[in-house]
Amino acid sequence: MILSRLAGRPVLLAAGLVAALVLPWVVYPPVALDIACWALFAAAVDLLLGFTGLLSFGHAAFWGGSAYCTGLIALHTGLPFPVAIIGGAAFAAALAVPIGLLSVRLRGIYFAMVTLAFAQMVYFVANQWRDVTGGENGLQGIPRELFGLDLSEPFYFYYAGLPFVLFGLFAAWRIVRSPFGRVLVSIRDNPARARALGYPVDRYKLLAFVLSAALSGIAGGLFAIGHGFASLQEVYWTTSGQAVMMVVLGGIGTLWGGTIGAALIVQLHDNLASAGFQEIGIVTGSIFIVVVLLFRRGIWGTARHLLVTRRTAASTEQPAPERQEAADASV
């Protein structure tokens, strides 16, 4: 695959890095931070959906759970925000273990519904445990401490938090390119065959689930620190649905497609909100339907498919003189 080969080349990696560095110069810095956080969240969801074949509607529990945990650490310990984010990601991974143990044996809609049920349980706990989470008011005033540096300005905080996003995206890329990632793809395509070859399928699924949760936790923790609060919206099921929609828009199983979907959805939300448009869901839903109907591989997936098709067609077309020379040689 052309883009798959290019993804490992320094030119494309440098282009992606440059795009990340100039993003807050192109869009409003808080929006740039949102795009970065959601891009990592979408990549984490795609790691599970696109490469393991598991559709989870419960990842809001890891995004939001980490947001609350990160906020609590930052509020009550005074530790630098990178330590708080690491703590939030560890909490998300730990939370994923029991959920995964009870759900990875299921497939399809059953897995999706069980993860959704667990996420709603987390939402209920966050809503009722007001002394810790703040209930409907959420956690407010989360500091951005980093060794005495003033990071209250969103522009500067974006660059302080960007290494977490880049690390998370790189980790996801390494996972899917590793032998472990290839086993996940084989499990996605034919779990019975993978099991017959001796792979512990459920164990691989559980590990993928936990890794996906940890990456979601990094994104959720950074989101909470960047905005200075963690609310019930972070653990509500629609947050999971939005991440899934970003993956589908960009292209399931492409990993990088989710970043395109995140940029599209976040920027669209900001533009519509700035224009005073109330029914944002109607617009995003309409775009989702159009993309699904016209570009079934998603934006990135369709672009990759078109490039592969063009290259294949070009390689099969031999110039007329060369064909004549080949015919003469055969005679």
Protein backbone atom coordinates (compact mmCIF):
# COMPACT_ATOMS: atom_id res chain seq x y z
CA MET A 1 0.00 0.00 0.00
CA ILE A 2 1.43 3.34 -1.06
CA LEU A 3 0.46 5.39 1.98
CA SER A 4 1.44 2.55 4.26
CA ARG A 5 4.96 2.68 2.81
CA LEU A 6 5.02 6.45 2.89
CA ALA A 7 3.92 6.46 6.53
CA GLY A 8 7.31 5.11 7.47
CA ARG A 9 9.26 7.65 5.43
CA PRO A 10 10.81 10.72 7.02
CA VAL A 11 9.12 13.09 4.55
CA LEU A 12 5.58 12.21 5.58
CA LEU A 13 6.49 12.03 9.26
CA ALA A 14 8.10 15.46 9.00
CA ALA A 15 4.99 16.80 7.26
CA GLY A 16 2.79 15.49 10.05
CA LEU A 17 5.08 17.00 12.68
CA VAL A 18 5.09 20.36 10.92
CA ALA A 19 1.29 20.28 10.71
CA ALA A 20 1.09 19.63 14.45
CA LEU A 21 3.52 22.45 15.19
CA VAL A 22 1.75 25.07 13.08
CA LEU A 23 -1.79 24.05 14.06
CA PRO A 24 -2.27 26.68 16.83
CA TRP A 25 -1.13 29.34 14.35
CA VAL A 26 -3.83 28.28 11.90
CA VAL A 27 -6.76 27.72 14.25
CA TYR A 28 -7.71 29.06 17.68
CA PRO A 29 -5.26 27.47 20.19
CA PRO A 30 -7.97 25.85 22.39
CA VAL A 31 -9.45 24.32 19.24
CA ALA A 32 -5.99 23.09 18.24
CA LEU A 33 -5.67 21.38 21.62
CA ASP A 34 -9.09 19.78 21.19
CA ILE A 35 -8.10 18.47 17.76
CA ALA A 36 -4.91 16.98 19.19
CA CYS A 37 -6.70 15.30 22.10
CA TRP A 38 -9.51 13.91 19.96
CA ALA A 39 -7.03 12.74 17.32
CA LEU A 40 -5.27 10.59 19.92
CA PHE A 41 -8.60 9.38 21.29
CA ALA A 42 -9.73 8.39 17.79
CA ALA A 43 -6.46 6.55 17.17
CA ALA A 44 -6.98 4.64 20.42
CA VAL A 45 -10.50 3.66 19.36
CA ASP A 46 -9.27 2.64 15.91
CA LEU A 47 -6.61 0.43 17.50
CA LEU A 48 -9.45 -1.60 18.94
CA LEU A 49 -12.04 -1.23 16.17
CA GLY A 50 -9.91 -1.23 13.04
CA PHE A 51 -7.18 -3.66 14.03
CA THR A 52 -8.89 -5.94 16.55
CA GLY A 53 -12.45 -5.84 15.25
CA LEU A 54 -14.02 -4.75 18.55
CA LEU A 55 -16.52 -1.88 18.51
CA SER A 56 -16.55 -0.23 21.93
CA PHE A 57 -19.11 2.31 23.06
CA GLY A 58 -17.52 2.39 26.50
CA HIS A 59 -14.32 4.29 25.86
CA ALA A 60 -15.82 7.41 27.40
CA ALA A 61 -15.21 5.64 30.72
CA PHE A 62 -11.45 5.71 30.04
CA TRP A 63 -11.34 9.20 28.52
CA GLY A 64 -13.54 10.65 31.27
CA GLY A 65 -12.20 8.47 34.08
CA SER A 66 -8.70 9.65 33.29
CA ALA A 67 -9.94 13.26 33.07
CA TYR A 68 -11.32 13.03 36.61
CA CYS A 69 -8.29 11.18 37.97
CA THR A 70 -5.87 13.61 36.33
CA GLY A 71 -7.83 16.55 37.69
CA LEU A 72 -7.89 15.13 41.22
CA ILE A 73 -4.14 14.53 41.18
CA ALA A 74 -3.44 18.02 39.88
CA LEU A 75 -5.85 19.64 42.35
CA HIS A 76 -4.85 17.83 45.53
CA THR A 77 -1.16 17.03 45.12
CA GLY A 78 0.28 20.01 43.27
CA LEU A 79 2.33 17.66 41.07
CA PRO A 80 3.30 18.79 37.56
CA PHE A 81 0.62 18.11 34.99
CA PRO A 82 2.67 15.44 33.13
CA VAL A 83 2.68 13.34 36.29
CA ALA A 84 -1.06 13.85 36.68
CA ILE A 85 -1.67 12.73 33.08
CA ILE A 86 0.44 9.62 33.57
CA GLY A 87 -1.57 8.86 36.70
CA GLY A 88 -4.81 9.31 34.79
CA ALA A 89 -3.65 7.00 32.00
CA ALA A 90 -2.65 4.37 34.56
CA PHE A 91 -6.10 4.64 36.13
CA ALA A 92 -7.74 4.18 32.72
CA ALA A 93 -5.64 1.09 32.03
CA ALA A 94 -6.46 -0.36 35.45
CA LEU A 95 -10.16 0.32 34.93
CA ALA A 96 -10.01 -1.45 31.57
CA VAL A 97 -8.75 -4.72 33.06
CA PRO A 98 -11.96 -5.85 34.82
CA ILE A 99 -14.15 -4.44 32.05
CA GLY A 100 -12.08 -6.24 29.45
CA LEU A 101 -12.05 -9.52 31.35
CA LEU A 102 -15.84 -9.52 31.35
CA SER A 103 -16.34 -8.39 27.76
CA VAL A 104 -13.57 -9.55 25.38
CA ARG A 105 -15.12 -13.01 25.05
CA LEU A 106 -18.10 -11.35 23.36
CA ARG A 107 -18.28 -10.18 19.76
CA GLY A 108 -20.20 -7.72 17.65
CA ILE A 109 -23.17 -5.92 19.13
CA TYR A 110 -22.89 -7.87 22.39
CA PHE A 111 -19.40 -6.51 23.06
CA ALA A 112 -20.55 -2.99 22.16
CA MET A 113 -23.55 -3.16 24.49
CA VAL A 114 -21.57 -4.55 27.43
CA THR A 115 -18.92 -1.83 27.15
CA LEU A 116 -21.70 0.76 26.89
CA ALA A 117 -23.28 -0.61 30.07
CA PHE A 118 -19.99 -0.36 31.96
CA ALA A 119 -19.47 3.20 30.73
CA GLN A 120 -22.91 4.18 31.98
CA MET A 121 -22.04 2.68 35.36
CA VAL A 122 -18.97 4.94 35.47
CA TYR A 123 -21.19 7.88 34.53
CA PHE A 124 -23.57 7.03 37.38
CA VAL A 125 -20.70 6.82 39.89
CA ALA A 126 -19.28 10.15 38.70
CA ASN A 127 -22.69 11.77 39.04
CA GLN A 128 -23.42 10.40 42.51
CA TRP A 129 -19.98 10.66 44.12
CA ARG A 130 -20.27 14.42 44.47
CA ASP A 131 -17.73 14.79 47.26
CA VAL A 132 -15.00 13.57 44.92
CA THR A 133 -16.16 14.36 41.39
CA GLY A 134 -18.28 17.44 42.02
CA GLY A 135 -21.35 15.76 40.55
CA GLU A 136 -23.10 17.87 37.94
CA ASN A 137 -20.69 20.74 38.59
CA GLY A 138 -17.66 18.60 37.79
CA LEU A 139 -14.09 19.35 38.80
CA GLN A 140 -13.19 22.98 38.24
CA GLY A 141 -10.02 25.00 38.52
CA ILE A 142 -7.64 22.20 37.54
CA PRO A 143 -4.15 23.79 37.50
CA ARG A 144 -1.53 23.55 34.77
CA GLU A 145 1.56 23.27 36.93
CA LEU A 146 4.92 22.55 35.31
CA PHE A 147 7.88 23.41 37.52
CA GLY A 148 6.68 26.94 38.15
CA LEU A 149 6.10 27.82 34.49
CA ASP A 150 2.98 29.80 33.61
CA LEU A 151 1.00 27.73 31.12
CA SER A 152 -2.34 29.47 31.58
CA GLU A 153 -2.15 30.72 27.99
CA PRO A 154 -3.66 28.02 25.70
CA PHE A 155 -1.08 28.73 23.00
CA TYR A 156 1.81 27.78 25.26
CA PHE A 157 0.02 24.87 26.87
CA TYR A 158 -0.63 23.34 23.45
CA TYR A 159 3.11 22.93 22.90
CA ALA A 160 3.60 21.68 26.45
CA GLY A 161 0.99 18.97 25.91
CA LEU A 162 1.84 18.11 22.30
CA PRO A 163 4.57 15.59 23.24
CA PHE A 164 1.91 13.45 24.94
CA VAL A 165 -0.15 13.35 21.74
CA LEU A 166 2.86 12.59 19.57
CA PHE A 167 3.98 9.85 21.94
CA GLY A 168 0.49 8.32 21.96
CA LEU A 169 0.21 8.36 18.16
CA PHE A 170 3.69 6.90 17.80
CA ALA A 171 2.87 4.18 20.33
CA ALA A 172 -0.32 3.28 18.44
CA TRP A 173 1.62 3.15 15.17
CA ARG A 174 4.30 0.91 16.66
CA ILE A 175 1.67 -1.40 18.10
CA VAL A 176 -0.10 -1.98 14.78
CA ARG A 177 3.22 -2.40 12.92
CA SER A 178 4.59 -4.91 15.42
CA PRO A 179 4.16 -8.71 15.38
CA PHE A 180 1.59 -8.19 18.12
CA GLY A 181 -0.37 -5.91 15.80
CA ARG A 182 -0.27 -8.48 13.01
CA VAL A 183 -1.72 -11.06 15.36
CA LEU A 184 -4.51 -8.61 16.22
CA VAL A 185 -5.32 -8.25 12.52
CA SER A 186 -5.43 -12.03 12.11
CA ILE A 187 -7.79 -12.23 15.09
CA ARG A 188 -9.96 -9.55 13.53
CA ASP A 189 -10.10 -11.37 10.20
CA ASN A 190 -10.50 -14.93 11.46
CA PRO A 191 -10.45 -15.53 15.23
CA ALA A 192 -11.08 -19.26 14.83
CA ARG A 193 -8.02 -19.63 12.61
CA ALA A 194 -5.89 -17.56 15.00
CA ARG A 195 -7.00 -19.77 17.87
CA ALA A 196 -6.23 -22.89 15.84
CA LEU A 197 -2.70 -21.56 15.26
CA GLY A 198 -2.21 -21.48 19.02
CA TYR A 199 -2.68 -17.80 19.79
CA PRO A 200 -4.52 -17.01 23.05
CA VAL A 201 -7.16 -14.88 21.34
CA ASP A 202 -8.89 -13.57 24.45
CA ARG A 203 -5.58 -12.60 26.03
CA TYR A 204 -4.56 -10.65 22.93
CA LYS A 205 -7.94 -8.92 22.86
CA LEU A 206 -7.61 -7.99 26.54
CA LEU A 207 -4.15 -6.52 26.04
CA ALA A 208 -5.35 -4.52 23.03
CA PHE A 209 -8.31 -3.30 25.08
CA VAL A 210 -6.05 -2.15 27.93
CA LEU A 211 -3.57 -0.45 25.58
CA SER A 212 -6.43 1.34 23.84
CA ALA A 213 -7.77 2.46 27.21
CA ALA A 214 -4.36 3.77 28.28
CA LEU A 215 -4.02 5.86 25.12
CA SER A 216 -7.57 7.14 25.64
CA GLY A 217 -6.55 8.03 29.18
CA ILE A 218 -3.63 10.13 27.96
CA ALA A 219 -5.97 12.03 25.66
CA GLY A 220 -8.64 12.50 28.33
CA GLY A 221 -6.15 13.65 30.95
CA LEU A 222 -4.61 16.19 28.60
CA PHE A 223 -8.09 17.42 27.67
CA ALA A 224 -8.97 17.98 31.35
CA ILE A 225 -5.75 19.84 32.11
CA GLY A 226 -6.06 21.94 28.97
CA HIS A 227 -9.61 23.05 29.76
CA GLY A 228 -9.16 23.29 33.52
CA PHE A 229 -12.19 21.14 34.32
CA ALA A 230 -13.65 17.63 34.05
CA SER A 231 -17.39 17.23 33.65
CA LEU A 232 -19.96 14.48 33.33
CA GLN A 233 -19.93 14.99 29.57
CA GLU A 234 -16.52 13.33 29.48
CA VAL A 235 -17.93 10.02 30.75
CA TYR A 236 -21.23 10.13 28.87
CA TRP A 237 -21.77 7.57 26.12
CA THR A 238 -22.04 10.21 23.38
CA THR A 239 -18.34 10.91 23.88
CA SER A 240 -17.61 7.31 22.84
CA GLY A 241 -19.96 7.68 19.89
CA GLN A 242 -18.23 10.84 18.72
CA ALA A 243 -14.83 9.12 18.75
CA VAL A 244 -16.25 6.20 16.74
CA MET A 245 -17.74 8.67 14.25
CA MET A 246 -14.34 10.33 13.80
CA VAL A 247 -12.77 6.94 13.06
CA VAL A 248 -15.46 6.06 10.52
CA LEU A 249 -15.14 9.45 8.80
CA GLY A 250 -11.38 9.13 8.51
CA GLY A 251 -11.33 5.43 7.71
CA ILE A 252 -11.53 2.36 9.92
CA GLY A 253 -8.24 0.50 10.17
CA THR A 254 -6.13 3.38 8.84
CA LEU A 255 -5.07 4.73 12.26
CA TRP A 256 -4.29 8.16 10.80
CA GLY A 257 -7.79 8.58 9.41
CA GLY A 258 -9.07 9.34 12.89
CA THR A 259 -6.89 12.45 13.02
CA ILE A 260 -8.63 13.73 9.88
CA GLY A 261 -12.02 12.91 11.34
CA ALA A 262 -11.09 14.65 14.60
CA ALA A 263 -9.92 17.80 12.82
CA LEU A 264 -13.06 17.88 10.69
CA ILE A 265 -15.54 17.37 13.52
CA VAL A 266 -13.85 19.64 16.09
CA GLN A 267 -13.33 22.50 13.63
CA LEU A 268 -16.88 22.13 12.34
CA HIS A 269 -18.28 22.24 15.87
CA ASP A 270 -16.29 25.40 16.60
CA ASN A 271 -17.37 27.13 13.39
CA LEU A 272 -21.05 26.29 13.89
CA ALA A 273 -20.97 27.32 17.55
CA SER A 274 -19.29 30.61 16.65
CA ALA A 275 -22.03 31.24 14.09
CA GLY A 276 -24.69 30.66 16.76
CA PHE A 277 -26.01 27.49 15.11
CA GLN A 278 -27.77 25.33 17.70
CA GLU A 279 -28.44 22.05 15.89
CA ILE A 280 -24.83 21.01 15.40
CA GLY A 281 -25.74 17.33 15.52
CA ILE A 282 -27.85 17.68 12.37
CA VAL A 283 -24.89 18.95 10.36
CA THR A 284 -22.37 16.44 11.67
CA GLY A 285 -24.88 13.63 11.25
CA SER A 286 -25.55 14.65 7.65
CA ILE A 287 -21.82 14.72 6.88
CA PHE A 288 -21.44 11.32 8.49
CA ILE A 289 -24.20 9.85 6.32
CA VAL A 290 -22.73 11.34 3.12
CA VAL A 291 -19.24 10.01 3.87
CA VAL A 292 -20.53 6.55 4.76
CA LEU A 293 -22.59 6.36 1.56
CA LEU A 294 -20.06 7.86 -0.86
CA PHE A 295 -16.72 7.04 0.77
CA ARG A 296 -17.19 3.73 2.51
CA ARG A 297 -13.51 3.45 3.28
CA GLY A 298 -13.53 6.87 4.92
CA ILE A 299 -11.62 9.93 3.77
CA TRP A 300 -8.10 8.58 4.33
CA GLY A 301 -9.04 5.07 3.29
CA THR A 302 -10.61 6.26 0.03
CA ALA A 303 -7.58 8.41 -0.81
CA ARG A 304 -5.29 5.46 -0.19
CA HIS A 305 -7.46 3.18 -2.34
CA LEU A 306 -7.47 5.67 -5.23
CA LEU A 307 -3.69 6.02 -5.12
CA VAL A 308 -3.23 2.26 -5.10
CA THR A 309 -5.65 1.89 -8.02
CA ARG A 310 -3.84 4.56 -10.03
CA ARG A 311 -0.46 3.01 -9.38
CA THR A 312 -1.71 -0.44 -10.33
CA ALA A 313 -3.25 0.88 -13.54
CA ALA A 314 -0.07 2.78 -14.43
CA SER A 315 2.13 -0.26 -13.85
CA THR A 316 -0.02 -2.44 -16.12
CA GLU A 317 0.03 0.07 -18.97
CA GLN A 318 3.11 -0.61 -21.09
CA PRO A 319 4.07 1.95 -23.78
CA ALA A 320 3.48 0.88 -27.40
CA PRO A 321 7.18 0.87 -28.45
CA GLU A 322 8.04 -1.36 -25.50
CA ARG A 323 5.23 -3.74 -26.41
CA GLN A 324 6.49 -3.89 -30.02
CA GLU A 325 10.06 -4.56 -28.90
CA ALA A 326 8.81 -7.33 -26.63
CA ALA A 327 6.87 -8.86 -29.54
CA ASP A 328 9.92 -8.72 -31.88
CA ALA A 329 12.10 -10.31 -29.23
CA SER A 330 9.65 -13.16 -28.81
CA VAL A 331 9.74 -13.85 -32.58
